[in-house]
Amino acid sequence: MSDHTIEPDIAEAVHAVANRYGVAGLEDLIDLAQQELVVARKALEELAPGPD
């Protein structure tokens, strides 16, 4: 693990998925999170200031 601190709400959500849906649920969560990460990174790039 890295030195990055994970927000308690995020950890709680992951544990809730794991406890309710097991491995398959975690796999679904990771897949969806990776899709959302692509969208979020693209949006961030669009908001980044262009070259001056």
Protein backbone atom coordinates (compact mmCIF):
# COMPACT_ATOMS: atom_id res chain seq x y z
CA MET A 1 0.00 0.00 0.00
CA SER A 2 1.05 3.56 -0.51
CA ASP A 3 1.26 6.37 2.02
CA HIS A 4 -2.01 7.75 0.59
CA THR A 5 -4.81 7.81 3.16
CA ILE A 6 -8.10 6.40 1.92
CA GLU A 7 -11.19 8.34 2.89
CA PRO A 8 -13.22 6.43 5.49
CA ASP A 9 -16.42 6.70 3.42
CA ILE A 10 -14.68 5.07 0.46
CA ALA A 11 -13.29 2.26 2.60
CA GLU A 12 -16.72 1.72 4.14
CA ALA A 13 -18.36 1.53 0.70
CA VAL A 14 -15.82 -1.04 -0.51
CA HIS A 15 -16.26 -3.15 2.61
CA ALA A 16 -20.04 -2.97 2.26
CA VAL A 17 -19.83 -4.24 -1.33
CA ALA A 18 -17.42 -7.00 -0.30
CA ASN A 19 -19.63 -8.09 2.58
CA ARG A 20 -22.84 -8.05 0.57
CA TYR A 21 -21.71 -9.24 -2.88
CA GLY A 22 -18.39 -10.99 -2.26
CA VAL A 23 -15.63 -11.34 -4.83
CA ALA A 24 -17.95 -10.89 -7.81
CA GLY A 25 -19.24 -7.64 -6.37
CA LEU A 26 -15.71 -6.34 -5.80
CA GLU A 27 -14.80 -7.26 -9.36
CA ASP A 28 -17.84 -5.34 -10.62
CA LEU A 29 -16.96 -2.39 -8.41
CA ILE A 30 -13.38 -2.32 -9.71
CA ASP A 31 -14.56 -2.57 -13.33
CA LEU A 32 -17.02 0.28 -12.90
CA ALA A 33 -14.48 2.38 -10.99
CA GLN A 34 -11.95 1.94 -13.80
CA GLN A 35 -14.55 3.09 -16.34
CA GLU A 36 -15.38 6.12 -14.21
CA LEU A 37 -11.68 6.90 -13.81
CA VAL A 38 -11.29 7.16 -17.58
CA VAL A 39 -14.23 9.57 -17.75
CA ALA A 40 -12.95 11.65 -14.84
CA ARG A 41 -9.42 11.88 -16.24
CA LYS A 42 -10.77 12.97 -19.62
CA ALA A 43 -12.89 15.66 -17.95
CA LEU A 44 -9.89 16.84 -15.96
CA GLU A 45 -7.82 17.11 -19.13
CA GLU A 46 -10.55 19.21 -20.74
CA LEU A 47 -10.56 21.55 -17.74
CA ALA A 48 -6.77 21.88 -17.62
CA PRO A 49 -5.46 25.22 -18.85
CA GLY A 50 -4.02 25.13 -22.34
CA PRO A 51 -0.59 26.35 -23.33
CA ASP A 52 -0.19 30.12 -23.09
